[in-house]
Amino acid sequence: MITWRRLEVTDFPLVAQWLAQPHVHRWWYHEFTMEAVERDFGAACRGEEPGEDWLVSVDGVAVGLMQRCRVADYPEDFEALSAAVETPKTVATLDYLIGDVGMTGKGVGSTMIRWAVEETWRDYPETDVILIPVVAGNLASWRALEKAGAVRVAEAEMEPENPIDETLHYVYRFDRP
């Protein structure tokens, strides 16, 4: 059974551990010291910024992280996405990771994404579109999106999080049913 709850400060050691895992760090190019995790996730946990971080558990064991926000709440991200594809002001986006490598390749990612999409339609009634840019080289991520029902709507040059990546991104879209 998969469950979800908002990320809490007490989860930061686990998030730091996940960010240090090679399969996560490759695509989530974050520092993973406790100070860096506090810097990157603390404001959302305290409600000081509009983005949301969700801890995902399978059978009571935390396995991943889901982030959600309205893109317009982050002007630089909105500008970059708008340059790539038509982006309504009400568009939302998601980001996700599976920290436990033993849970990868088992459908957890696509299940997490489907959940987040359904919750977004419920929680953000003004949002009719979810757009998710993914580095083209991140095969596991874009395949999880496709399994969850997303449609690739664009290829775009965007600044990657990890400097070793090419700039090519695939942009995926969910439309409100």
C-alpha atoms as a PDB file:
ATOM      1  CA  MET A   1       0.000   0.000   0.000  1.00  0.00           C
ATOM      2  CA  ILE A   2       1.310   3.440  -0.949  1.00  0.00           C
ATOM      3  CA  THR A   3       0.780   6.404   1.392  1.00  0.00           C
ATOM      4  CA  TRP A   4       1.827  10.056   1.293  1.00  0.00           C
ATOM      5  CA  ARG A   5       2.388  12.857   3.760  1.00  0.00           C
ATOM      6  CA  ARG A   6       4.000  16.268   3.760  1.00  0.00           C
ATOM      7  CA  LEU A   7       7.749  16.222   4.310  1.00  0.00           C
ATOM      8  CA  GLU A   8       8.816  17.208   7.829  1.00  0.00           C
ATOM      9  CA  VAL A   9      12.100  18.514   9.203  1.00  0.00           C
ATOM     10  CA  THR A  10      12.579  15.171  10.970  1.00  0.00           C
ATOM     11  CA  ASP A  11      12.737  13.556   7.492  1.00  0.00           C
ATOM     12  CA  PHE A  12      15.793  15.574   6.456  1.00  0.00           C
ATOM     13  CA  PRO A  13      18.374  12.907   7.426  1.00  0.00           C
ATOM     14  CA  LEU A  14      16.554  10.432   5.188  1.00  0.00           C
ATOM     15  CA  VAL A  15      16.353  12.939   2.335  1.00  0.00           C
ATOM     16  CA  ALA A  16      20.083  13.613   2.704  1.00  0.00           C
ATOM     17  CA  GLN A  17      20.731   9.869   2.531  1.00  0.00           C
ATOM     18  CA  TRP A  18      18.625   9.568  -0.626  1.00  0.00           C
ATOM     19  CA  LEU A  19      20.270  12.558  -2.311  1.00  0.00           C
ATOM     20  CA  ALA A  20      23.647  10.886  -1.719  1.00  0.00           C
ATOM     21  CA  GLN A  21      22.601   7.693  -3.520  1.00  0.00           C
ATOM     22  CA  PRO A  22      24.244   7.490  -6.973  1.00  0.00           C
ATOM     23  CA  HIS A  23      20.963   6.713  -8.793  1.00  0.00           C
ATOM     24  CA  VAL A  24      19.386   9.837  -7.223  1.00  0.00           C
ATOM     25  CA  HIS A  25      22.378  12.187  -7.238  1.00  0.00           C
ATOM     26  CA  ARG A  26      22.825  11.610 -10.973  1.00  0.00           C
ATOM     27  CA  TRP A  27      19.512  13.362 -11.681  1.00  0.00           C
ATOM     28  CA  TRP A  28      18.899  15.361  -8.479  1.00  0.00           C
ATOM     29  CA  TYR A  29      22.193  17.196  -8.487  1.00  0.00           C
ATOM     30  CA  HIS A  30      21.886  18.560  -4.934  1.00  0.00           C
ATOM     31  CA  GLU A  31      24.310  18.812  -2.093  1.00  0.00           C
ATOM     32  CA  PHE A  32      23.372  16.292   0.573  1.00  0.00           C
ATOM     33  CA  THR A  33      24.774  17.754   3.778  1.00  0.00           C
ATOM     34  CA  MET A  34      22.206  18.466   6.477  1.00  0.00           C
ATOM     35  CA  GLU A  35      22.796  22.199   5.971  1.00  0.00           C
ATOM     36  CA  ALA A  36      22.092  21.890   2.250  1.00  0.00           C
ATOM     37  CA  VAL A  37      18.959  19.792   2.803  1.00  0.00           C
ATOM     38  CA  GLU A  38      17.683  22.378   5.286  1.00  0.00           C
ATOM     39  CA  ARG A  39      18.448  25.137   2.772  1.00  0.00           C
ATOM     40  CA  ASP A  40      16.737  23.323  -0.131  1.00  0.00           C
ATOM     41  CA  PHE A  41      13.718  21.816   1.672  1.00  0.00           C
ATOM     42  CA  GLY A  42      13.271  23.799   4.897  1.00  0.00           C
ATOM     43  CA  ALA A  43      11.250  26.714   3.549  1.00  0.00           C
ATOM     44  CA  ALA A  44       8.635  24.412   1.981  1.00  0.00           C
ATOM     45  CA  CYS A  45       8.391  22.389   5.200  1.00  0.00           C
ATOM     46  CA  ARG A  46       7.791  25.570   7.186  1.00  0.00           C
ATOM     47  CA  GLY A  47       5.231  26.870   4.673  1.00  0.00           C
ATOM     48  CA  GLU A  48       7.479  29.801   3.728  1.00  0.00           C
ATOM     49  CA  GLU A  49       7.354  29.045   0.022  1.00  0.00           C
ATOM     50  CA  PRO A  50       4.579  27.770  -2.209  1.00  0.00           C
ATOM     51  CA  GLY A  51       6.186  24.488  -3.305  1.00  0.00           C
ATOM     52  CA  GLU A  52       5.168  21.237  -1.631  1.00  0.00           C
ATOM     53  CA  ASP A  53       7.313  18.242  -0.724  1.00  0.00           C
ATOM     54  CA  TRP A  54       5.660  14.881  -0.044  1.00  0.00           C
ATOM     55  CA  LEU A  55       7.202  11.795   1.535  1.00  0.00           C
ATOM     56  CA  VAL A  56       6.051   8.610  -0.202  1.00  0.00           C
ATOM     57  CA  SER A  57       5.897   5.275   1.653  1.00  0.00           C
ATOM     58  CA  VAL A  58       5.210   1.728   0.506  1.00  0.00           C
ATOM     59  CA  ASP A  59       3.843  -0.615   3.157  1.00  0.00           C
ATOM     60  CA  GLY A  60       4.883   1.872   5.840  1.00  0.00           C
ATOM     61  CA  VAL A  61       8.473   2.273   4.591  1.00  0.00           C
ATOM     62  CA  ALA A  62       9.537   5.636   3.154  1.00  0.00           C
ATOM     63  CA  VAL A  63      10.813   5.140  -0.397  1.00  0.00           C
ATOM     64  CA  GLY A  64      10.625   8.465  -2.204  1.00  0.00           C
ATOM     65  CA  LEU A  65       9.901  12.138  -2.495  1.00  0.00           C
ATOM     66  CA  MET A  66       7.366  13.990  -4.646  1.00  0.00           C
ATOM     67  CA  GLN A  67       7.484  17.743  -5.219  1.00  0.00           C
ATOM     68  CA  ARG A  68       4.653  19.843  -6.608  1.00  0.00           C
ATOM     69  CA  CYS A  69       4.228  23.518  -7.351  1.00  0.00           C
ATOM     70  CA  ARG A  70       2.575  26.048  -9.592  1.00  0.00           C
ATOM     71  CA  VAL A  71       5.276  27.032 -12.051  1.00  0.00           C
ATOM     72  CA  ALA A  72       4.274  30.712 -12.022  1.00  0.00           C
ATOM     73  CA  ASP A  73       5.248  30.832  -8.335  1.00  0.00           C
ATOM     74  CA  TYR A  74       8.866  30.444  -9.519  1.00  0.00           C
ATOM     75  CA  PRO A  75       9.407  33.114 -12.223  1.00  0.00           C
ATOM     76  CA  GLU A  76      12.727  31.760 -13.557  1.00  0.00           C
ATOM     77  CA  ASP A  77      11.234  28.285 -14.004  1.00  0.00           C
ATOM     78  CA  PHE A  78       8.115  29.748 -15.626  1.00  0.00           C
ATOM     79  CA  GLU A  79      10.250  31.746 -18.060  1.00  0.00           C
ATOM     80  CA  ALA A  80      12.353  28.711 -19.009  1.00  0.00           C
ATOM     81  CA  LEU A  81       9.322  26.468 -19.497  1.00  0.00           C
ATOM     82  CA  SER A  82       7.408  29.164 -21.408  1.00  0.00           C
ATOM     83  CA  ALA A  83      10.310  29.473 -23.833  1.00  0.00           C
ATOM     84  CA  ALA A  84       9.952  25.764 -24.587  1.00  0.00           C
ATOM     85  CA  VAL A  85       6.195  25.244 -24.774  1.00  0.00           C
ATOM     86  CA  GLU A  86       2.942  27.180 -24.350  1.00  0.00           C
ATOM     87  CA  THR A  87       2.616  27.556 -20.580  1.00  0.00           C
ATOM     88  CA  PRO A  88      -0.611  28.800 -18.998  1.00  0.00           C
ATOM     89  CA  LYS A  89      -0.164  30.888 -15.837  1.00  0.00           C
ATOM     90  CA  THR A  90      -2.029  28.190 -13.866  1.00  0.00           C
ATOM     91  CA  VAL A  91       0.229  25.299 -14.926  1.00  0.00           C
ATOM     92  CA  ALA A  92       1.615  23.002 -12.232  1.00  0.00           C
ATOM     93  CA  THR A  93       4.698  20.820 -12.335  1.00  0.00           C
ATOM     94  CA  LEU A  94       6.008  17.782 -10.486  1.00  0.00           C
ATOM     95  CA  ASP A  95       9.386  16.363  -9.598  1.00  0.00           C
ATOM     96  CA  TYR A  96      10.071  13.047  -7.936  1.00  0.00           C
ATOM     97  CA  LEU A  97      12.673  10.597  -6.790  1.00  0.00           C
ATOM     98  CA  ILE A  98      12.791   7.075  -5.468  1.00  0.00           C
ATOM     99  CA  GLY A  99      15.481   7.061  -2.806  1.00  0.00           C
ATOM    100  CA  ASP A 100      15.501   3.325  -2.199  1.00  0.00           C
ATOM    101  CA  VAL A 101      17.219   1.763  -5.220  1.00  0.00           C
ATOM    102  CA  GLY A 102      15.511  -1.546  -4.375  1.00  0.00           C
ATOM    103  CA  MET A 103      12.154   0.069  -5.196  1.00  0.00           C
ATOM    104  CA  THR A 104      13.167   1.258  -8.662  1.00  0.00           C
ATOM    105  CA  GLY A 105      11.830  -0.554 -11.697  1.00  0.00           C
ATOM    106  CA  LYS A 106       8.739  -1.783  -9.814  1.00  0.00           C
ATOM    107  CA  GLY A 107       6.133   0.753 -10.909  1.00  0.00           C
ATOM    108  CA  VAL A 108       6.462   2.913  -7.798  1.00  0.00           C
ATOM    109  CA  GLY A 109       7.465   5.980  -9.823  1.00  0.00           C
ATOM    110  CA  SER A 110       4.497   5.848 -12.180  1.00  0.00           C
ATOM    111  CA  THR A 111       2.174   5.194  -9.229  1.00  0.00           C
ATOM    112  CA  MET A 112       3.596   8.225  -7.392  1.00  0.00           C
ATOM    113  CA  ILE A 113       3.093  10.363 -10.481  1.00  0.00           C
ATOM    114  CA  ARG A 114      -0.500   9.222 -11.035  1.00  0.00           C
ATOM    115  CA  TRP A 115      -1.277  10.006  -7.384  1.00  0.00           C
ATOM    116  CA  ALA A 116       0.264  13.474  -7.626  1.00  0.00           C
ATOM    117  CA  VAL A 117      -1.649  14.229 -10.825  1.00  0.00           C
ATOM    118  CA  GLU A 118      -4.979  13.232  -9.254  1.00  0.00           C
ATOM    119  CA  GLU A 119      -4.207  15.234  -6.105  1.00  0.00           C
ATOM    120  CA  THR A 120      -3.276  18.240  -8.235  1.00  0.00           C
ATOM    121  CA  TRP A 121      -6.641  18.201 -10.005  1.00  0.00           C
ATOM    122  CA  ARG A 122      -8.331  18.072  -6.593  1.00  0.00           C
ATOM    123  CA  ASP A 123      -6.120  20.595  -4.769  1.00  0.00           C
ATOM    124  CA  TYR A 124      -5.600  23.115  -7.598  1.00  0.00           C
ATOM    125  CA  PRO A 125      -9.047  23.545  -9.201  1.00  0.00           C
ATOM    126  CA  GLU A 126      -7.786  26.353 -11.448  1.00  0.00           C
ATOM    127  CA  THR A 127      -5.056  24.134 -12.930  1.00  0.00           C
ATOM    128  CA  ASP A 128      -5.930  22.337 -16.159  1.00  0.00           C
ATOM    129  CA  VAL A 129      -2.401  21.428 -17.243  1.00  0.00           C
ATOM    130  CA  ILE A 130       0.626  19.816 -15.609  1.00  0.00           C
ATOM    131  CA  LEU A 131       3.914  20.183 -17.499  1.00  0.00           C
ATOM    132  CA  ILE A 132       7.028  18.259 -16.543  1.00  0.00           C
ATOM    133  CA  PRO A 133      10.369  18.859 -18.275  1.00  0.00           C
ATOM    134  CA  VAL A 134      12.808  15.942 -18.052  1.00  0.00           C
ATOM    135  CA  VAL A 135      16.415  15.741 -19.193  1.00  0.00           C
ATOM    136  CA  ALA A 136      16.246  13.589 -22.333  1.00  0.00           C
ATOM    137  CA  GLY A 137      18.903  11.241 -20.962  1.00  0.00           C
ATOM    138  CA  ASN A 138      16.804  10.360 -17.906  1.00  0.00           C
ATOM    139  CA  LEU A 139      15.108   7.367 -19.495  1.00  0.00           C
ATOM    140  CA  ALA A 140      13.650   6.009 -16.241  1.00  0.00           C
ATOM    141  CA  SER A 141      11.955   9.324 -15.477  1.00  0.00           C
ATOM    142  CA  TRP A 142      10.320   9.893 -18.819  1.00  0.00           C
ATOM    143  CA  ARG A 143       9.263   6.270 -19.084  1.00  0.00           C
ATOM    144  CA  ALA A 144       7.563   6.542 -15.664  1.00  0.00           C
ATOM    145  CA  LEU A 145       5.740   9.632 -16.929  1.00  0.00           C
ATOM    146  CA  GLU A 146       4.561   7.779 -20.018  1.00  0.00           C
ATOM    147  CA  LYS A 147       3.380   4.821 -17.915  1.00  0.00           C
ATOM    148  CA  ALA A 148       1.459   7.292 -15.745  1.00  0.00           C
ATOM    149  CA  GLY A 149      -0.318   8.665 -18.826  1.00  0.00           C
ATOM    150  CA  ALA A 150       1.705  11.769 -19.696  1.00  0.00           C
ATOM    151  CA  VAL A 151       2.150  12.767 -23.326  1.00  0.00           C
ATOM    152  CA  ARG A 152       5.413  14.158 -24.680  1.00  0.00           C
ATOM    153  CA  VAL A 153       4.521  17.516 -26.210  1.00  0.00           C
ATOM    154  CA  ALA A 154       7.885  19.128 -26.897  1.00  0.00           C
ATOM    155  CA  GLU A 155      11.620  18.821 -27.079  1.00  0.00           C
ATOM    156  CA  ALA A 156      13.429  21.873 -25.803  1.00  0.00           C
ATOM    157  CA  GLU A 157      16.841  23.178 -24.917  1.00  0.00           C
ATOM    158  CA  MET A 158      16.806  23.954 -21.201  1.00  0.00           C
ATOM    159  CA  GLU A 159      19.507  24.368 -18.600  1.00  0.00           C
ATOM    160  CA  PRO A 160      20.088  20.980 -16.916  1.00  0.00           C
ATOM    161  CA  GLU A 161      20.425  20.643 -13.150  1.00  0.00           C
ATOM    162  CA  ASN A 162      23.559  18.520 -13.543  1.00  0.00           C
ATOM    163  CA  PRO A 163      26.264  20.184 -15.663  1.00  0.00           C
ATOM    164  CA  ILE A 164      27.238  16.843 -17.238  1.00  0.00           C
ATOM    165  CA  ASP A 165      23.848  16.588 -18.951  1.00  0.00           C
ATOM    166  CA  GLU A 166      22.978  17.805 -22.406  1.00  0.00           C
ATOM    167  CA  THR A 167      20.498  20.653 -22.594  1.00  0.00           C
ATOM    168  CA  LEU A 168      17.882  18.594 -24.466  1.00  0.00           C
ATOM    169  CA  HIS A 169      14.738  18.076 -22.388  1.00  0.00           C
ATOM    170  CA  TYR A 170      11.482  16.336 -23.169  1.00  0.00           C
ATOM    171  CA  VAL A 171       8.400  18.151 -21.929  1.00  0.00           C
ATOM    172  CA  TYR A 172       5.507  15.954 -20.777  1.00  0.00           C
ATOM    173  CA  ARG A 173       1.930  17.033 -20.301  1.00  0.00           C
ATOM    174  CA  PHE A 174      -1.107  15.915 -18.346  1.00  0.00           C
ATOM    175  CA  ASP A 175      -4.475  17.546 -19.111  1.00  0.00           C
ATOM    176  CA  ARG A 176      -7.322  17.680 -16.631  1.00  0.00           C
ATOM    177  CA  PRO A 177      -9.864  15.025 -17.633  1.00  0.00           C
END
